[in-house]
Amino acid sequence: MSLREPEPVHLRRIDPAQNMRRFYSLSVQPTLFGGTSLIRDWGRIGRRGQTMMETFDTADDAGLAFERLKRSKRRRGYRDAFGAQAASVGAIDQH
């Protein structure tokens, strides 16, 4: 049994040659009725996009679906949206 929810993931896929600028976000949240929801947001960067919510009976089931989707999107070329920016901001803050 997992002790806590996974941190939200924000991914991007940018390919200027294909005019592709996409985002994909995943988060896990508890429901009011004791279950757990996996929230997915996706679309073109700069647009509203779409949202889907899947509800699971246990946090473990939601966590497995979360990890499966995260691996799938990374295999398709999506990368962390704030990875390089967060590292550079952290380095600036330390000086």
C-alpha atoms as a PDB file:
ATOM      1  CA  MET A   1       0.000   0.000   0.000  1.00  0.00           C
ATOM      2  CA  SER A   2       1.393   3.399  -0.926  1.00  0.00           C
ATOM      3  CA  LEU A   3       1.863   5.949   1.833  1.00  0.00           C
ATOM      4  CA  ARG A   4       1.395   9.069  -0.280  1.00  0.00           C
ATOM      5  CA  GLU A   5       0.225  10.203  -3.673  1.00  0.00           C
ATOM      6  CA  PRO A   6       2.752  10.643  -6.491  1.00  0.00           C
ATOM      7  CA  GLU A   7       3.809  14.198  -7.260  1.00  0.00           C
ATOM      8  CA  PRO A   8       2.033  15.757 -10.279  1.00  0.00           C
ATOM      9  CA  VAL A   9       3.880  15.368 -13.583  1.00  0.00           C
ATOM     10  CA  HIS A  10       3.949  18.059 -16.283  1.00  0.00           C
ATOM     11  CA  LEU A  11       5.302  16.913 -19.652  1.00  0.00           C
ATOM     12  CA  ARG A  12       5.896  18.649 -22.990  1.00  0.00           C
ATOM     13  CA  ARG A  13       6.564  17.501 -26.502  1.00  0.00           C
ATOM     14  CA  ILE A  14       7.873  20.190 -28.840  1.00  0.00           C
ATOM     15  CA  ASP A  15       8.923  19.459 -32.416  1.00  0.00           C
ATOM     16  CA  PRO A  16       9.142  22.575 -34.626  1.00  0.00           C
ATOM     17  CA  ALA A  17       9.609  20.460 -37.776  1.00  0.00           C
ATOM     18  CA  GLN A  18       6.126  18.984 -37.245  1.00  0.00           C
ATOM     19  CA  ASN A  19       4.601  22.182 -35.782  1.00  0.00           C
ATOM     20  CA  MET A  20       4.033  20.173 -32.594  1.00  0.00           C
ATOM     21  CA  ARG A  21       3.751  21.895 -29.185  1.00  0.00           C
ATOM     22  CA  ARG A  22       1.875  19.602 -26.808  1.00  0.00           C
ATOM     23  CA  PHE A  23       1.508  19.280 -23.066  1.00  0.00           C
ATOM     24  CA  TYR A  24       0.381  16.392 -20.869  1.00  0.00           C
ATOM     25  CA  SER A  25      -0.202  16.577 -17.111  1.00  0.00           C
ATOM     26  CA  LEU A  26      -0.953  13.808 -14.628  1.00  0.00           C
ATOM     27  CA  SER A  27      -2.008  14.086 -10.994  1.00  0.00           C
ATOM     28  CA  VAL A  28      -3.569  11.840  -8.360  1.00  0.00           C
ATOM     29  CA  GLN A  29      -6.138  13.180  -5.894  1.00  0.00           C
ATOM     30  CA  PRO A  30      -8.383  11.611  -3.252  1.00  0.00           C
ATOM     31  CA  THR A  31     -12.137  11.627  -3.858  1.00  0.00           C
ATOM     32  CA  LEU A  32     -14.803  12.555  -1.315  1.00  0.00           C
ATOM     33  CA  PHE A  33     -15.968   8.946  -1.120  1.00  0.00           C
ATOM     34  CA  GLY A  34     -12.695   7.251  -0.172  1.00  0.00           C
ATOM     35  CA  GLY A  35     -11.458   6.450  -3.676  1.00  0.00           C
ATOM     36  CA  THR A  36      -8.658   8.009  -5.670  1.00  0.00           C
ATOM     37  CA  SER A  37      -8.823   9.857  -8.992  1.00  0.00           C
ATOM     38  CA  LEU A  38      -6.229  10.096 -11.727  1.00  0.00           C
ATOM     39  CA  ILE A  39      -6.558  13.472 -13.457  1.00  0.00           C
ATOM     40  CA  ARG A  40      -5.160  13.855 -16.990  1.00  0.00           C
ATOM     41  CA  ASP A  41      -4.877  17.137 -18.883  1.00  0.00           C
ATOM     42  CA  TRP A  42      -3.554  17.353 -22.433  1.00  0.00           C
ATOM     43  CA  GLY A  43      -3.554  19.531 -25.501  1.00  0.00           C
ATOM     44  CA  ARG A  44      -1.623  22.114 -27.474  1.00  0.00           C
ATOM     45  CA  ILE A  45       0.559  24.485 -25.459  1.00  0.00           C
ATOM     46  CA  GLY A  46      -1.210  27.846 -25.183  1.00  0.00           C
ATOM     47  CA  ARG A  47      -4.686  26.311 -25.523  1.00  0.00           C
ATOM     48  CA  ARG A  48      -7.123  25.035 -22.924  1.00  0.00           C
ATOM     49  CA  GLY A  49      -6.900  21.372 -23.901  1.00  0.00           C
ATOM     50  CA  GLN A  50      -8.922  18.493 -22.519  1.00  0.00           C
ATOM     51  CA  THR A  51      -9.318  16.862 -19.112  1.00  0.00           C
ATOM     52  CA  MET A  52     -10.177  13.300 -18.137  1.00  0.00           C
ATOM     53  CA  MET A  53     -10.744  11.923 -14.648  1.00  0.00           C
ATOM     54  CA  GLU A  54     -10.519   8.201 -13.884  1.00  0.00           C
ATOM     55  CA  THR A  55     -11.620   6.988 -10.456  1.00  0.00           C
ATOM     56  CA  PHE A  56     -10.054   3.986  -8.726  1.00  0.00           C
ATOM     57  CA  ASP A  57     -11.037   2.116  -5.563  1.00  0.00           C
ATOM     58  CA  THR A  58      -7.515   2.248  -4.121  1.00  0.00           C
ATOM     59  CA  ALA A  59      -4.592   4.652  -4.245  1.00  0.00           C
ATOM     60  CA  ASP A  60      -2.366   1.769  -5.354  1.00  0.00           C
ATOM     61  CA  ASP A  61      -4.468   1.167  -8.472  1.00  0.00           C
ATOM     62  CA  ALA A  62      -4.385   4.877  -9.308  1.00  0.00           C
ATOM     63  CA  GLY A  63      -0.616   4.944  -8.715  1.00  0.00           C
ATOM     64  CA  LEU A  64      -0.082   2.016 -11.099  1.00  0.00           C
ATOM     65  CA  ALA A  65      -2.140   3.735 -13.809  1.00  0.00           C
ATOM     66  CA  PHE A  66      -0.222   6.977 -13.160  1.00  0.00           C
ATOM     67  CA  GLU A  67       3.159   5.259 -13.630  1.00  0.00           C
ATOM     68  CA  ARG A  68       1.965   3.368 -16.717  1.00  0.00           C
ATOM     69  CA  LEU A  69       0.773   6.573 -18.415  1.00  0.00           C
ATOM     70  CA  LYS A  70       3.924   8.470 -17.436  1.00  0.00           C
ATOM     71  CA  ARG A  71       6.158   5.765 -18.972  1.00  0.00           C
ATOM     72  CA  SER A  72       4.002   5.622 -22.103  1.00  0.00           C
ATOM     73  CA  LYS A  73       4.180   9.383 -22.693  1.00  0.00           C
ATOM     74  CA  ARG A  74       7.938   9.479 -22.112  1.00  0.00           C
ATOM     75  CA  ARG A  75       8.399   6.672 -24.661  1.00  0.00           C
ATOM     76  CA  ARG A  76       6.441   8.824 -27.142  1.00  0.00           C
ATOM     77  CA  GLY A  77       8.868  11.721 -26.731  1.00  0.00           C
ATOM     78  CA  TYR A  78       7.353  13.794 -23.925  1.00  0.00           C
ATOM     79  CA  ARG A  79       9.862  15.348 -21.496  1.00  0.00           C
ATOM     80  CA  ASP A  80       9.554  17.130 -18.137  1.00  0.00           C
ATOM     81  CA  ALA A  81       8.177  20.607 -18.731  1.00  0.00           C
ATOM     82  CA  PHE A  82      10.083  22.296 -15.937  1.00  0.00           C
ATOM     83  CA  GLY A  83      13.183  20.081 -15.731  1.00  0.00           C
ATOM     84  CA  ALA A  84      15.837  22.385 -17.193  1.00  0.00           C
ATOM     85  CA  GLN A  85      14.160  25.554 -15.905  1.00  0.00           C
ATOM     86  CA  ALA A  86      13.835  24.224 -12.350  1.00  0.00           C
ATOM     87  CA  ALA A  87      17.494  23.185 -12.281  1.00  0.00           C
ATOM     88  CA  SER A  88      18.674  26.587 -13.515  1.00  0.00           C
ATOM     89  CA  VAL A  89      16.387  28.483 -11.094  1.00  0.00           C
ATOM     90  CA  GLY A  90      17.645  26.331  -8.216  1.00  0.00           C
ATOM     91  CA  ALA A  91      21.243  27.132  -9.153  1.00  0.00           C
ATOM     92  CA  ILE A  92      20.459  30.860  -9.306  1.00  0.00           C
ATOM     93  CA  ASP A  93      18.703  30.835  -5.929  1.00  0.00           C
ATOM     94  CA  GLN A  94      21.749  29.300  -4.242  1.00  0.00           C
ATOM     95  CA  HIS A  95      24.059  32.164  -5.253  1.00  0.00           C
END
